[in-house]
Amino acid sequence: MFKLNRYLHLSILSLILLSSGACADIYVIVSAGSEVQNLSKKQCIDIFMGRARKFDNGKKIEAFDQPKGSALREEFYTKLTGKSLAFINAYWARLFYTGRVQPPSDHLKSSEQIALEVARNPRAIAYVAEAQLSDQVQVVFTLNGNQ
């Protein structure tokens, strides 16, 4: 019952934010030194859903998620996949137990740490808000605030 109420509250909050136009753009970023220049929405879905393990140039992908409980994380997956975060978490739980693929790492504790890791690691990819953009990273895909 508690989980149901929690999901109901999160759903209502998400609807309020989406309907109020309070949503900002979300940027998928790689290191400024990366050979990757741009990605399609489908490529981003494949990366963040564990279907793609290498970039087109053959280099291994190291994907990073925002911390658990982050509003940006929920907004990103909802906009990117059209699925709820609860669905995404269940998807990863099923895949995790097969041992075939690992979800994006969420061990970094803030967007700032994530942006720094992406800046230093040419195999890294993550999504951030505008405040974390710098000349050390490049945007390869943008999810518009009203998508």
C-alpha atoms as a PDB file:
ATOM      1  CA  MET A   1       0.000   0.000   0.000  1.00  0.00           C
ATOM      2  CA  PHE A   2       2.855   2.387   0.895  1.00  0.00           C
ATOM      3  CA  LYS A   3       4.588   1.781  -2.448  1.00  0.00           C
ATOM      4  CA  LEU A   4       1.333   2.388  -4.307  1.00  0.00           C
ATOM      5  CA  ASN A   5       0.822   5.695  -2.504  1.00  0.00           C
ATOM      6  CA  ARG A   6       4.423   6.683  -3.210  1.00  0.00           C
ATOM      7  CA  TYR A   7       4.072   5.939  -6.916  1.00  0.00           C
ATOM      8  CA  LEU A   8       0.755   7.770  -7.013  1.00  0.00           C
ATOM      9  CA  HIS A   9       2.337  10.842  -5.429  1.00  0.00           C
ATOM     10  CA  LEU A  10       5.311  10.689  -7.820  1.00  0.00           C
ATOM     11  CA  SER A  11       2.966  10.330 -10.793  1.00  0.00           C
ATOM     12  CA  ILE A  12       0.870  13.300  -9.718  1.00  0.00           C
ATOM     13  CA  LEU A  13       4.001  15.404  -9.145  1.00  0.00           C
ATOM     14  CA  SER A  14       5.313  14.440 -12.582  1.00  0.00           C
ATOM     15  CA  LEU A  15       2.034  15.399 -14.230  1.00  0.00           C
ATOM     16  CA  ILE A  16       2.010  18.750 -12.442  1.00  0.00           C
ATOM     17  CA  LEU A  17       5.576  19.493 -13.542  1.00  0.00           C
ATOM     18  CA  LEU A  18       4.904  18.415 -17.111  1.00  0.00           C
ATOM     19  CA  SER A  19       1.693  20.402 -17.402  1.00  0.00           C
ATOM     20  CA  SER A  20       3.164  23.521 -15.822  1.00  0.00           C
ATOM     21  CA  GLY A  21       5.905  23.777 -18.435  1.00  0.00           C
ATOM     22  CA  ALA A  22       8.532  23.652 -15.684  1.00  0.00           C
ATOM     23  CA  CYS A  23      10.548  21.065 -17.579  1.00  0.00           C
ATOM     24  CA  ALA A  24      13.894  22.110 -18.944  1.00  0.00           C
ATOM     25  CA  ASP A  25      16.000  20.513 -21.634  1.00  0.00           C
ATOM     26  CA  ILE A  26      18.101  17.485 -20.727  1.00  0.00           C
ATOM     27  CA  TYR A  27      21.449  17.053 -22.445  1.00  0.00           C
ATOM     28  CA  VAL A  28      23.195  13.787 -23.265  1.00  0.00           C
ATOM     29  CA  ILE A  29      26.917  14.493 -23.058  1.00  0.00           C
ATOM     30  CA  VAL A  30      30.259  12.920 -23.848  1.00  0.00           C
ATOM     31  CA  SER A  31      33.810  14.148 -23.302  1.00  0.00           C
ATOM     32  CA  ALA A  32      34.875  17.073 -25.463  1.00  0.00           C
ATOM     33  CA  GLY A  33      37.652  14.801 -26.751  1.00  0.00           C
ATOM     34  CA  SER A  34      35.289  12.015 -27.777  1.00  0.00           C
ATOM     35  CA  GLU A  35      34.984  11.018 -31.415  1.00  0.00           C
ATOM     36  CA  VAL A  36      31.197  10.795 -30.969  1.00  0.00           C
ATOM     37  CA  GLN A  37      29.631  13.941 -32.412  1.00  0.00           C
ATOM     38  CA  ASN A  38      25.894  13.284 -32.209  1.00  0.00           C
ATOM     39  CA  LEU A  39      23.427  10.533 -31.410  1.00  0.00           C
ATOM     40  CA  SER A  40      19.841   9.861 -32.376  1.00  0.00           C
ATOM     41  CA  LYS A  41      17.065   9.287 -29.868  1.00  0.00           C
ATOM     42  CA  LYS A  42      17.093   5.576 -30.779  1.00  0.00           C
ATOM     43  CA  GLN A  43      20.848   5.367 -30.152  1.00  0.00           C
ATOM     44  CA  CYS A  44      20.392   7.016 -26.744  1.00  0.00           C
ATOM     45  CA  ILE A  45      17.603   4.579 -25.886  1.00  0.00           C
ATOM     46  CA  ASP A  46      19.816   1.673 -26.903  1.00  0.00           C
ATOM     47  CA  ILE A  47      22.703   2.973 -24.775  1.00  0.00           C
ATOM     48  CA  PHE A  48      20.735   3.773 -21.634  1.00  0.00           C
ATOM     49  CA  MET A  49      18.645   0.593 -21.885  1.00  0.00           C
ATOM     50  CA  GLY A  50      21.745  -1.589 -22.227  1.00  0.00           C
ATOM     51  CA  ARG A  51      21.198  -2.660 -25.827  1.00  0.00           C
ATOM     52  CA  ALA A  52      24.322  -0.906 -27.118  1.00  0.00           C
ATOM     53  CA  ARG A  53      27.613  -1.612 -25.412  1.00  0.00           C
ATOM     54  CA  LYS A  54      29.916   0.138 -27.886  1.00  0.00           C
ATOM     55  CA  PHE A  55      29.867   3.419 -29.757  1.00  0.00           C
ATOM     56  CA  ASP A  56      29.856   3.282 -33.568  1.00  0.00           C
ATOM     57  CA  ASN A  57      33.648   3.758 -33.457  1.00  0.00           C
ATOM     58  CA  GLY A  58      33.951   0.441 -31.561  1.00  0.00           C
ATOM     59  CA  LYS A  59      34.902   1.930 -28.186  1.00  0.00           C
ATOM     60  CA  LYS A  60      33.215   0.501 -25.082  1.00  0.00           C
ATOM     61  CA  ILE A  61      30.472   2.671 -23.573  1.00  0.00           C
ATOM     62  CA  GLU A  62      30.476   3.646 -19.907  1.00  0.00           C
ATOM     63  CA  ALA A  63      27.008   5.068 -19.233  1.00  0.00           C
ATOM     64  CA  PHE A  64      26.234   7.046 -16.085  1.00  0.00           C
ATOM     65  CA  ASP A  65      22.846   7.610 -14.477  1.00  0.00           C
ATOM     66  CA  GLN A  66      21.847  10.375 -12.135  1.00  0.00           C
ATOM     67  CA  PRO A  67      21.566   9.226  -8.481  1.00  0.00           C
ATOM     68  CA  LYS A  68      18.528   7.190  -7.417  1.00  0.00           C
ATOM     69  CA  GLY A  69      15.685   9.462  -6.379  1.00  0.00           C
ATOM     70  CA  SER A  70      16.798  12.252  -8.702  1.00  0.00           C
ATOM     71  CA  ALA A  71      13.962  14.109 -10.446  1.00  0.00           C
ATOM     72  CA  LEU A  72      16.233  14.473 -13.484  1.00  0.00           C
ATOM     73  CA  ARG A  73      16.605  10.688 -13.706  1.00  0.00           C
ATOM     74  CA  GLU A  74      12.841  10.176 -13.712  1.00  0.00           C
ATOM     75  CA  GLU A  75      12.270  12.952 -16.244  1.00  0.00           C
ATOM     76  CA  PHE A  76      15.026  11.646 -18.522  1.00  0.00           C
ATOM     77  CA  TYR A  77      13.693   8.103 -18.767  1.00  0.00           C
ATOM     78  CA  THR A  78      10.084   9.240 -19.097  1.00  0.00           C
ATOM     79  CA  LYS A  79      10.953  11.585 -21.965  1.00  0.00           C
ATOM     80  CA  LEU A  80      13.439   9.252 -23.622  1.00  0.00           C
ATOM     81  CA  THR A  81      11.466   6.007 -23.512  1.00  0.00           C
ATOM     82  CA  GLY A  82       7.893   7.049 -22.782  1.00  0.00           C
ATOM     83  CA  LYS A  83       7.966   4.606 -19.848  1.00  0.00           C
ATOM     84  CA  SER A  84       7.762   5.286 -16.121  1.00  0.00           C
ATOM     85  CA  LEU A  85      10.811   5.019 -13.905  1.00  0.00           C
ATOM     86  CA  ALA A  86       9.117   2.086 -12.142  1.00  0.00           C
ATOM     87  CA  PHE A  87       8.964   0.278 -15.498  1.00  0.00           C
ATOM     88  CA  ILE A  88      12.633   1.085 -16.184  1.00  0.00           C
ATOM     89  CA  ASN A  89      13.666  -0.176 -12.735  1.00  0.00           C
ATOM     90  CA  ALA A  90      11.738  -3.428 -13.266  1.00  0.00           C
ATOM     91  CA  TYR A  91      13.347  -3.815 -16.701  1.00  0.00           C
ATOM     92  CA  TRP A  92      16.827  -3.490 -15.179  1.00  0.00           C
ATOM     93  CA  ALA A  93      15.974  -5.840 -12.317  1.00  0.00           C
ATOM     94  CA  ARG A  94      15.070  -8.557 -14.846  1.00  0.00           C
ATOM     95  CA  LEU A  95      18.237  -7.983 -16.889  1.00  0.00           C
ATOM     96  CA  PHE A  96      20.493  -7.752 -13.851  1.00  0.00           C
ATOM     97  CA  TYR A  97      19.606 -11.272 -12.733  1.00  0.00           C
ATOM     98  CA  THR A  98      20.382 -12.725 -16.143  1.00  0.00           C
ATOM     99  CA  GLY A  99      23.942 -11.448 -15.759  1.00  0.00           C
ATOM    100  CA  ARG A 100      24.027 -10.346 -19.388  1.00  0.00           C
ATOM    101  CA  VAL A 101      24.224  -6.607 -18.983  1.00  0.00           C
ATOM    102  CA  GLN A 102      24.716  -3.980 -16.273  1.00  0.00           C
ATOM    103  CA  PRO A 103      22.604  -0.832 -15.927  1.00  0.00           C
ATOM    104  CA  PRO A 104      24.237   2.586 -16.234  1.00  0.00           C
ATOM    105  CA  SER A 105      26.332   3.340 -13.173  1.00  0.00           C
ATOM    106  CA  ASP A 106      24.641   5.468 -10.539  1.00  0.00           C
ATOM    107  CA  HIS A 107      27.453   5.465  -7.978  1.00  0.00           C
ATOM    108  CA  LEU A 108      28.345   9.131  -8.513  1.00  0.00           C
ATOM    109  CA  LYS A 109      26.451  11.274  -6.018  1.00  0.00           C
ATOM    110  CA  SER A 110      25.763  14.464  -7.980  1.00  0.00           C
ATOM    111  CA  SER A 111      25.341  15.917 -11.449  1.00  0.00           C
ATOM    112  CA  GLU A 112      28.577  17.828 -10.934  1.00  0.00           C
ATOM    113  CA  GLN A 113      30.522  14.606 -10.286  1.00  0.00           C
ATOM    114  CA  ILE A 114      28.901  12.997 -13.315  1.00  0.00           C
ATOM    115  CA  ALA A 115      29.876  15.901 -15.585  1.00  0.00           C
ATOM    116  CA  LEU A 116      33.461  15.777 -14.277  1.00  0.00           C
ATOM    117  CA  GLU A 117      33.675  12.020 -14.914  1.00  0.00           C
ATOM    118  CA  VAL A 118      32.365  12.452 -18.457  1.00  0.00           C
ATOM    119  CA  ALA A 119      34.836  15.278 -19.092  1.00  0.00           C
ATOM    120  CA  ARG A 120      37.812  13.109 -18.103  1.00  0.00           C
ATOM    121  CA  ASN A 121      36.641   9.798 -19.610  1.00  0.00           C
ATOM    122  CA  PRO A 122      36.335   9.558 -23.435  1.00  0.00           C
ATOM    123  CA  ARG A 123      34.213   6.384 -23.097  1.00  0.00           C
ATOM    124  CA  ALA A 124      31.685   7.967 -20.720  1.00  0.00           C
ATOM    125  CA  ILE A 125      28.186   9.161 -21.575  1.00  0.00           C
ATOM    126  CA  ALA A 126      25.595  10.700 -19.275  1.00  0.00           C
ATOM    127  CA  TYR A 127      22.682  13.095 -19.175  1.00  0.00           C
ATOM    128  CA  VAL A 128      22.678  16.389 -17.306  1.00  0.00           C
ATOM    129  CA  ALA A 129      20.837  19.673 -16.927  1.00  0.00           C
ATOM    130  CA  GLU A 130      22.126  22.839 -18.567  1.00  0.00           C
ATOM    131  CA  ALA A 131      24.010  23.911 -15.424  1.00  0.00           C
ATOM    132  CA  GLN A 132      26.529  21.081 -15.922  1.00  0.00           C
ATOM    133  CA  LEU A 133      27.456  21.986 -19.508  1.00  0.00           C
ATOM    134  CA  SER A 134      31.000  23.237 -20.032  1.00  0.00           C
ATOM    135  CA  ASP A 135      33.682  23.334 -22.691  1.00  0.00           C
ATOM    136  CA  GLN A 136      34.972  20.031 -21.245  1.00  0.00           C
ATOM    137  CA  VAL A 137      31.936  18.126 -22.554  1.00  0.00           C
ATOM    138  CA  GLN A 138      29.975  18.087 -25.773  1.00  0.00           C
ATOM    139  CA  VAL A 139      26.243  17.637 -26.235  1.00  0.00           C
ATOM    140  CA  VAL A 140      25.392  14.725 -28.535  1.00  0.00           C
ATOM    141  CA  PHE A 141      21.619  14.704 -28.016  1.00  0.00           C
ATOM    142  CA  THR A 142      19.038  17.020 -26.452  1.00  0.00           C
ATOM    143  CA  LEU A 143      15.694  16.047 -24.983  1.00  0.00           C
ATOM    144  CA  ASN A 144      13.567  19.146 -25.248  1.00  0.00           C
ATOM    145  CA  GLY A 145      11.693  20.246 -22.142  1.00  0.00           C
ATOM    146  CA  ASN A 146       8.322  19.836 -23.790  1.00  0.00           C
ATOM    147  CA  GLN A 147       8.868  16.419 -25.393  1.00  0.00           C
END
